[in-house]
PDB file of N, CA and C in Angstrom:
ATOM      1  N   MET A   1     -29.326   9.402 -31.839  1.00  0.00           N
ATOM      2  CA  MET A   1     -29.737   8.366 -30.908  1.00  0.00           C
ATOM      3  C   MET A   1     -28.805   7.155 -30.996  1.00  0.00           C
ATOM      4  N   LEU A   2     -28.563   6.672 -32.216  1.00  0.00           N
ATOM      5  CA  LEU A   2     -27.681   5.523 -32.408  1.00  0.00           C
ATOM      6  C   LEU A   2     -26.255   5.854 -31.966  1.00  0.00           C
ATOM      7  N   HIS A   3     -25.837   7.079 -32.248  1.00  0.00           N
ATOM      8  CA  HIS A   3     -24.496   7.511 -31.854  1.00  0.00           C
ATOM      9  C   HIS A   3     -24.340   7.464 -30.333  1.00  0.00           C
ATOM     10  N   THR A   4     -25.351   7.894 -29.619  1.00  0.00           N
ATOM     11  CA  THR A   4     -25.305   7.899 -28.158  1.00  0.00           C
ATOM     12  C   THR A   4     -25.238   6.481 -27.595  1.00  0.00           C
ATOM     13  N   ILE A   5     -26.014   5.575 -28.165  1.00  0.00           N
ATOM     14  CA  ILE A   5     -26.015   4.183 -27.704  1.00  0.00           C
ATOM     15  C   ILE A   5     -24.650   3.547 -27.919  1.00  0.00           C
ATOM     16  N   ILE A   6     -24.078   3.762 -29.096  1.00  0.00           N
ATOM     17  CA  ILE A   6     -22.766   3.181 -29.395  1.00  0.00           C
ATOM     18  C   ILE A   6     -21.689   3.814 -28.513  1.00  0.00           C
ATOM     19  N   LEU A   7     -21.815   5.110 -28.245  1.00  0.00           N
ATOM     20  CA  LEU A   7     -20.855   5.785 -27.371  1.00  0.00           C
ATOM     21  C   LEU A   7     -20.912   5.221 -25.952  1.00  0.00           C
ATOM     22  N   ILE A   8     -22.108   4.988 -25.448  1.00  0.00           N
ATOM     23  CA  ILE A   8     -22.256   4.409 -24.108  1.00  0.00           C
ATOM     24  C   ILE A   8     -21.680   2.996 -24.075  1.00  0.00           C
ATOM     25  N   LEU A   9     -21.956   2.198 -25.109  1.00  0.00           N
ATOM     26  CA  LEU A   9     -21.391   0.847 -25.181  1.00  0.00           C
ATOM     27  C   LEU A   9     -19.872   0.890 -25.236  1.00  0.00           C
ATOM     28  N   ASP A  10     -19.327   1.841 -25.975  1.00  0.00           N
ATOM     29  CA  ASP A  10     -17.875   1.981 -26.096  1.00  0.00           C
ATOM     30  C   ASP A  10     -17.250   2.320 -24.741  1.00  0.00           C
ATOM     31  N   ILE A  11     -17.893   3.200 -24.002  1.00  0.00           N
ATOM     32  CA  ILE A  11     -17.380   3.572 -22.680  1.00  0.00           C
ATOM     33  C   ILE A  11     -17.443   2.388 -21.723  1.00  0.00           C
ATOM     34  N   LEU A  12     -18.552   1.641 -21.748  1.00  0.00           N
ATOM     35  CA  LEU A  12     -18.680   0.474 -20.872  1.00  0.00           C
ATOM     36  C   LEU A  12     -17.650  -0.600 -21.207  1.00  0.00           C
ATOM     37  N   VAL A  13     -17.418  -0.823 -22.503  1.00  0.00           N
ATOM     38  CA  VAL A  13     -16.416  -1.807 -22.917  1.00  0.00           C
ATOM     39  C   VAL A  13     -15.022  -1.342 -22.501  1.00  0.00           C
ATOM     40  N   ALA A  14     -14.754  -0.044 -22.627  1.00  0.00           N
ATOM     41  CA  ALA A  14     -13.448   0.489 -22.227  1.00  0.00           C
ATOM     42  C   ALA A  14     -13.217   0.303 -20.727  1.00  0.00           C
ATOM     43  N   LEU A  15     -14.232   0.562 -19.923  1.00  0.00           N
ATOM     44  CA  LEU A  15     -14.097   0.370 -18.476  1.00  0.00           C
ATOM     45  C   LEU A  15     -13.908  -1.102 -18.130  1.00  0.00           C
ATOM     46  N   GLY A  16     -14.617  -1.976 -18.826  1.00  0.00           N
ATOM     47  CA  GLY A  16     -14.443  -3.409 -18.607  1.00  0.00           C
ATOM     48  C   GLY A  16     -13.054  -3.877 -18.997  1.00  0.00           C
ATOM     49  N   LEU A  17     -12.531  -3.329 -20.096  1.00  0.00           N
ATOM     50  CA  LEU A  17     -11.186  -3.684 -20.542  1.00  0.00           C
ATOM     51  C   LEU A  17     -10.139  -3.221 -19.536  1.00  0.00           C
ATOM     52  N   ILE A  18     -10.312  -2.027 -19.011  1.00  0.00           N
ATOM     53  CA  ILE A  18      -9.385  -1.521 -17.992  1.00  0.00           C
ATOM     54  C   ILE A  18      -9.405  -2.423 -16.764  1.00  0.00           C
ATOM     55  N   ALA A  19     -10.602  -2.798 -16.329  1.00  0.00           N
ATOM     56  CA  ALA A  19     -10.724  -3.665 -15.152  1.00  0.00           C
ATOM     57  C   ALA A  19     -10.101  -5.033 -15.401  1.00  0.00           C
ATOM     58  N   ALA A  20     -10.333  -5.600 -16.588  1.00  0.00           N
ATOM     59  CA  ALA A  20      -9.790  -6.927 -16.898  1.00  0.00           C
ATOM     60  C   ALA A  20      -8.268  -6.909 -16.937  1.00  0.00           C
ATOM     61  N   VAL A  21      -7.695  -5.844 -17.465  1.00  0.00           N
ATOM     62  CA  VAL A  21      -6.231  -5.753 -17.533  1.00  0.00           C
ATOM     63  C   VAL A  21      -5.640  -5.546 -16.142  1.00  0.00           C
ATOM     64  N   LEU A  22      -6.281  -4.714 -15.336  1.00  0.00           N
ATOM     65  CA  LEU A  22      -5.749  -4.458 -13.997  1.00  0.00           C
ATOM     66  C   LEU A  22      -5.879  -5.660 -13.072  1.00  0.00           C
ATOM     67  N   LEU A  23      -6.846  -6.525 -13.304  1.00  0.00           N
ATOM     68  CA  LEU A  23      -7.034  -7.696 -12.451  1.00  0.00           C
ATOM     69  C   LEU A  23      -6.073  -8.833 -12.777  1.00  0.00           C
ATOM     70  N   GLN A  24      -5.412  -8.771 -13.926  1.00  0.00           N
ATOM     71  CA  GLN A  24      -4.474  -9.833 -14.294  1.00  0.00           C
ATOM     72  C   GLN A  24      -3.226  -9.747 -13.424  1.00  0.00           C
ATOM     73  N   SER A  25      -2.645 -10.905 -13.140  1.00  0.00           N
ATOM     74  CA  SER A  25      -1.412 -10.902 -12.360  1.00  0.00           C
ATOM     75  C   SER A  25      -0.252 -10.499 -13.259  1.00  0.00           C
ATOM     76  N   GLY A  26       0.785  -9.956 -12.641  1.00  0.00           N
ATOM     77  CA  GLY A  26       1.932  -9.487 -13.392  1.00  0.00           C
ATOM     78  C   GLY A  26       2.740 -10.622 -13.985  1.00  0.00           C
ATOM     79  N   ARG A  27       3.498 -10.325 -15.019  1.00  0.00           N
ATOM     80  CA  ARG A  27       4.324 -11.345 -15.673  1.00  0.00           C
ATOM     81  C   ARG A  27       5.579 -11.656 -14.865  1.00  0.00           C
ATOM     82  N   SER A  28       6.100 -10.669 -14.172  1.00  0.00           N
ATOM     83  CA  SER A  28       7.319 -10.910 -13.393  1.00  0.00           C
ATOM     84  C   SER A  28       6.968 -10.911 -11.914  1.00  0.00           C
ATOM     85  N   ALA A  29       7.565 -11.821 -11.193  1.00  0.00           N
ATOM     86  CA  ALA A  29       7.292 -11.934  -9.762  1.00  0.00           C
ATOM     87  C   ALA A  29       8.542 -11.637  -8.942  1.00  0.00           C
ATOM     88  N   GLY A  30       9.455 -10.881  -9.481  1.00  0.00           N
ATOM     89  CA  GLY A  30      10.661 -10.517  -8.751  1.00  0.00           C
ATOM     90  C   GLY A  30      11.692 -11.623  -8.759  1.00  0.00           C
ATOM     91  N   ILE A  31      12.587 -11.593  -7.775  1.00  0.00           N
ATOM     92  CA  ILE A  31      13.676 -12.570  -7.708  1.00  0.00           C
ATOM     93  C   ILE A  31      13.149 -13.968  -7.431  1.00  0.00           C
ATOM     94  N   SER A  32      12.172 -14.091  -6.541  1.00  0.00           N
ATOM     95  CA  SER A  32      11.627 -15.422  -6.250  1.00  0.00           C
ATOM     96  C   SER A  32      10.935 -16.006  -7.473  1.00  0.00           C
ATOM     97  N   GLY A  33      10.310 -15.174  -8.270  1.00  0.00           N
ATOM     98  CA  GLY A  33       9.678 -15.664  -9.490  1.00  0.00           C
ATOM     99  C   GLY A  33      10.693 -16.081 -10.532  1.00  0.00           C
ATOM    100  N   ALA A  34      11.846 -15.428 -10.527  1.00  0.00           N
ATOM    101  CA  ALA A  34      12.886 -15.799 -11.481  1.00  0.00           C
ATOM    102  C   ALA A  34      13.488 -17.153 -11.138  1.00  0.00           C
ATOM    103  N   ILE A  35      13.568 -17.458  -9.846  1.00  0.00           N
ATOM    104  CA  ILE A  35      14.159 -18.728  -9.422  1.00  0.00           C
ATOM    105  C   ILE A  35      13.122 -19.845  -9.423  1.00  0.00           C
ATOM    106  N   ALA A  36      12.033 -19.641  -8.708  1.00  0.00           N
ATOM    107  CA  ALA A  36      11.047 -20.712  -8.540  1.00  0.00           C
ATOM    108  C   ALA A  36      10.039 -20.767  -9.674  1.00  0.00           C
ATOM    109  N   GLY A  37       9.690 -19.630 -10.238  1.00  0.00           N
ATOM    110  CA  GLY A  37       8.644 -19.618 -11.250  1.00  0.00           C
ATOM    111  C   GLY A  37       9.149 -19.708 -12.670  1.00  0.00           C
ATOM    112  N   GLY A  38      10.422 -19.978 -12.842  1.00  0.00           N
ATOM    113  CA  GLY A  38      10.982 -20.063 -14.184  1.00  0.00           C
ATOM    114  C   GLY A  38      10.410 -21.201 -14.989  1.00  0.00           C
ATOM    115  N   ALA A  39      10.158 -22.318 -14.337  1.00  0.00           N
ATOM    116  CA  ALA A  39       9.610 -23.475 -15.044  1.00  0.00           C
ATOM    117  C   ALA A  39       8.199 -23.200 -15.517  1.00  0.00           C
ATOM    118  N   GLU A  40       7.430 -22.504 -14.692  1.00  0.00           N
ATOM    119  CA  GLU A  40       6.059 -22.192 -15.092  1.00  0.00           C
ATOM    120  C   GLU A  40       6.045 -21.253 -16.294  1.00  0.00           C
ATOM    121  N   ALA A  41       6.952 -20.277 -16.300  1.00  0.00           N
ATOM    122  CA  ALA A  41       7.030 -19.361 -17.428  1.00  0.00           C
ATOM    123  C   ALA A  41       7.527 -20.080 -18.677  1.00  0.00           C
ATOM    124  N   LEU A  42       8.409 -21.042 -18.487  1.00  0.00           N
ATOM    125  CA  LEU A  42       8.955 -21.781 -19.618  1.00  0.00           C
ATOM    126  C   LEU A  42       7.901 -22.659 -20.272  1.00  0.00           C
ATOM    127  N   PHE A  43       7.132 -23.351 -19.463  1.00  0.00           N
ATOM    128  CA  PHE A  43       6.135 -24.263 -20.006  1.00  0.00           C
ATOM    129  C   PHE A  43       4.786 -23.597 -20.237  1.00  0.00           C
ATOM    130  N   GLY A  44       4.618 -22.380 -19.780  1.00  0.00           N
ATOM    131  CA  GLY A  44       3.419 -21.614 -20.056  1.00  0.00           C
ATOM    132  C   GLY A  44       2.146 -22.161 -19.446  1.00  0.00           C
ATOM    133  N   LYS A  45       2.194 -22.584 -18.213  1.00  0.00           N
ATOM    134  CA  LYS A  45       1.001 -23.141 -17.572  1.00  0.00           C
ATOM    135  C   LYS A  45       0.296 -22.051 -16.780  1.00  0.00           C
ATOM    136  N   LYS A  46      -0.659 -21.401 -17.426  1.00  0.00           N
ATOM    137  CA  LYS A  46      -1.493 -20.438 -16.735  1.00  0.00           C
ATOM    138  C   LYS A  46      -2.866 -21.063 -16.597  1.00  0.00           C
ATOM    139  N   LYS A  47      -3.402 -21.034 -15.403  1.00  0.00           N
ATOM    140  CA  LYS A  47      -4.693 -21.666 -15.192  1.00  0.00           C
ATOM    141  C   LYS A  47      -5.618 -20.720 -14.461  1.00  0.00           C
ATOM    142  N   GLY A  48      -6.865 -21.040 -14.534  1.00  0.00           N
ATOM    143  CA  GLY A  48      -7.856 -20.363 -13.729  1.00  0.00           C
ATOM    144  C   GLY A  48      -8.168 -18.958 -14.165  1.00  0.00           C
ATOM    145  N   LEU A  49      -8.071 -18.060 -13.210  1.00  0.00           N
ATOM    146  CA  LEU A  49      -8.511 -16.689 -13.411  1.00  0.00           C
ATOM    147  C   LEU A  49      -7.689 -15.959 -14.464  1.00  0.00           C
ATOM    148  N   ASP A  50      -6.380 -16.181 -14.513  1.00  0.00           N
ATOM    149  CA  ASP A  50      -5.547 -15.492 -15.501  1.00  0.00           C
ATOM    150  C   ASP A  50      -5.923 -15.868 -16.927  1.00  0.00           C
ATOM    151  N   THR A  51      -6.199 -17.128 -17.162  1.00  0.00           N
ATOM    152  CA  THR A  51      -6.608 -17.558 -18.502  1.00  0.00           C
ATOM    153  C   THR A  51      -7.932 -16.919 -18.879  1.00  0.00           C
ATOM    154  N   PHE A  52      -8.865 -16.912 -17.946  1.00  0.00           N
ATOM    155  CA  PHE A  52     -10.166 -16.301 -18.195  1.00  0.00           C
ATOM    156  C   PHE A  52     -10.024 -14.809 -18.470  1.00  0.00           C
ATOM    157  N   LEU A  53      -9.215 -14.118 -17.669  1.00  0.00           N
ATOM    158  CA  LEU A  53      -9.038 -12.679 -17.856  1.00  0.00           C
ATOM    159  C   LEU A  53      -8.321 -12.360 -19.160  1.00  0.00           C
ATOM    160  N   ASN A  54      -7.417 -13.226 -19.605  1.00  0.00           N
ATOM    161  CA  ASN A  54      -6.768 -13.020 -20.901  1.00  0.00           C
ATOM    162  C   ASN A  54      -7.779 -13.094 -22.031  1.00  0.00           C
ATOM    163  N   LYS A  55      -8.680 -14.069 -21.961  1.00  0.00           N
ATOM    164  CA  LYS A  55      -9.706 -14.202 -22.997  1.00  0.00           C
ATOM    165  C   LYS A  55     -10.682 -13.032 -22.966  1.00  0.00           C
ATOM    166  N   VAL A  56     -11.082 -12.633 -21.768  1.00  0.00           N
ATOM    167  CA  VAL A  56     -11.991 -11.496 -21.633  1.00  0.00           C
ATOM    168  C   VAL A  56     -11.333 -10.228 -22.166  1.00  0.00           C
ATOM    169  N   SER A  57     -10.055 -10.043 -21.875  1.00  0.00           N
ATOM    170  CA  SER A  57      -9.331  -8.866 -22.362  1.00  0.00           C
ATOM    171  C   SER A  57      -9.281  -8.836 -23.881  1.00  0.00           C
ATOM    172  N   ALA A  58      -9.048  -9.980 -24.493  1.00  0.00           N
ATOM    173  CA  ALA A  58      -8.983 -10.040 -25.956  1.00  0.00           C
ATOM    174  C   ALA A  58     -10.337  -9.716 -26.581  1.00  0.00           C
ATOM    175  N   VAL A  59     -11.397 -10.268 -26.016  1.00  0.00           N
ATOM    176  CA  VAL A  59     -12.741 -10.004 -26.553  1.00  0.00           C
ATOM    177  C   VAL A  59     -13.112  -8.537 -26.367  1.00  0.00           C
ATOM    178  N   LEU A  60     -12.847  -8.000 -25.182  1.00  0.00           N
ATOM    179  CA  LEU A  60     -13.176  -6.602 -24.928  1.00  0.00           C
ATOM    180  C   LEU A  60     -12.337  -5.656 -25.782  1.00  0.00           C
ATOM    181  N   ALA A  61     -11.085  -6.003 -26.039  1.00  0.00           N
ATOM    182  CA  ALA A  61     -10.249  -5.173 -26.912  1.00  0.00           C
ATOM    183  C   ALA A  61     -10.807  -5.161 -28.331  1.00  0.00           C
ATOM    184  N   GLY A  62     -11.259  -6.320 -28.806  1.00  0.00           N
ATOM    185  CA  GLY A  62     -11.873  -6.384 -30.129  1.00  0.00           C
ATOM    186  C   GLY A  62     -13.158  -5.575 -30.201  1.00  0.00           C
ATOM    187  N   LEU A  63     -13.990  -5.680 -29.166  1.00  0.00           N
ATOM    188  CA  LEU A  63     -15.229  -4.897 -29.129  1.00  0.00           C
ATOM    189  C   LEU A  63     -14.942  -3.403 -29.052  1.00  0.00           C
ATOM    190  N   PHE A  64     -13.936  -3.033 -28.268  1.00  0.00           N
ATOM    191  CA  PHE A  64     -13.564  -1.623 -28.166  1.00  0.00           C
ATOM    192  C   PHE A  64     -13.109  -1.081 -29.515  1.00  0.00           C
ATOM    193  N   LEU A  65     -12.307  -1.848 -30.217  1.00  0.00           N
ATOM    194  CA  LEU A  65     -11.853  -1.444 -31.546  1.00  0.00           C
ATOM    195  C   LEU A  65     -13.032  -1.296 -32.497  1.00  0.00           C
ATOM    196  N   PHE A  66     -13.938  -2.273 -32.468  1.00  0.00           N
ATOM    197  CA  PHE A  66     -15.106  -2.245 -33.349  1.00  0.00           C
ATOM    198  C   PHE A  66     -15.988  -1.025 -33.074  1.00  0.00           C
ATOM    199  N   PHE A  67     -16.323  -0.791 -31.801  1.00  0.00           N
ATOM    200  CA  PHE A  67     -17.195   0.334 -31.469  1.00  0.00           C
ATOM    201  C   PHE A  67     -16.532   1.674 -31.763  1.00  0.00           C
ATOM    202  N   THR A  68     -15.231   1.773 -31.526  1.00  0.00           N
ATOM    203  CA  THR A  68     -14.527   3.022 -31.792  1.00  0.00           C
ATOM    204  C   THR A  68     -14.481   3.316 -33.287  1.00  0.00           C
ATOM    205  N   LEU A  69     -14.213   2.292 -34.092  1.00  0.00           N
ATOM    206  CA  LEU A  69     -14.234   2.495 -35.544  1.00  0.00           C
ATOM    207  C   LEU A  69     -15.636   2.820 -36.033  1.00  0.00           C
ATOM    208  N   LEU A  70     -16.637   2.184 -35.457  1.00  0.00           N
ATOM    209  CA  LEU A  70     -18.018   2.469 -35.824  1.00  0.00           C
ATOM    210  C   LEU A  70     -18.387   3.905 -35.474  1.00  0.00           C
ATOM    211  N   LEU A  71     -17.922   4.392 -34.340  1.00  0.00           N
ATOM    212  CA  LEU A  71     -18.183   5.779 -33.962  1.00  0.00           C
ATOM    213  C   LEU A  71     -17.513   6.767 -34.911  1.00  0.00           C
ATOM    214  N   SER A  72     -16.359   6.413 -35.431  1.00  0.00           N
ATOM    215  CA  SER A  72     -15.675   7.327 -36.346  1.00  0.00           C
ATOM    216  C   SER A  72     -16.367   7.394 -37.702  1.00  0.00           C
ATOM    217  N   VAL A  73     -17.091   6.337 -38.062  1.00  0.00           N
ATOM    218  CA  VAL A  73     -17.800   6.316 -39.344  1.00  0.00           C
ATOM    219  C   VAL A  73     -19.142   7.038 -39.240  1.00  0.00           C
ATOM    220  N   ILE A  74     -19.809   6.868 -38.094  1.00  0.00           N
ATOM    221  CA  ILE A  74     -21.147   7.472 -37.934  1.00  0.00           C
ATOM    222  C   ILE A  74     -21.032   8.963 -37.732  1.00  0.00           C
TER     223      ILE A  74
END
């Protein structure tokens, strides 16, 4: 019973992690990003949704690691 609950949680966290990573904007924006967006990349000003998705991705990755290791022990 406990194994099934943890397995379901692990799958849900994995799907959430996939969604959070896919929703993030790319690091490179092509030639226009190299010319115009160089200052933003240099000073590291990410705001709004990207910052939130980075934090969500980190938390979900940690939870995924925890649940996966827990499943291997049980």
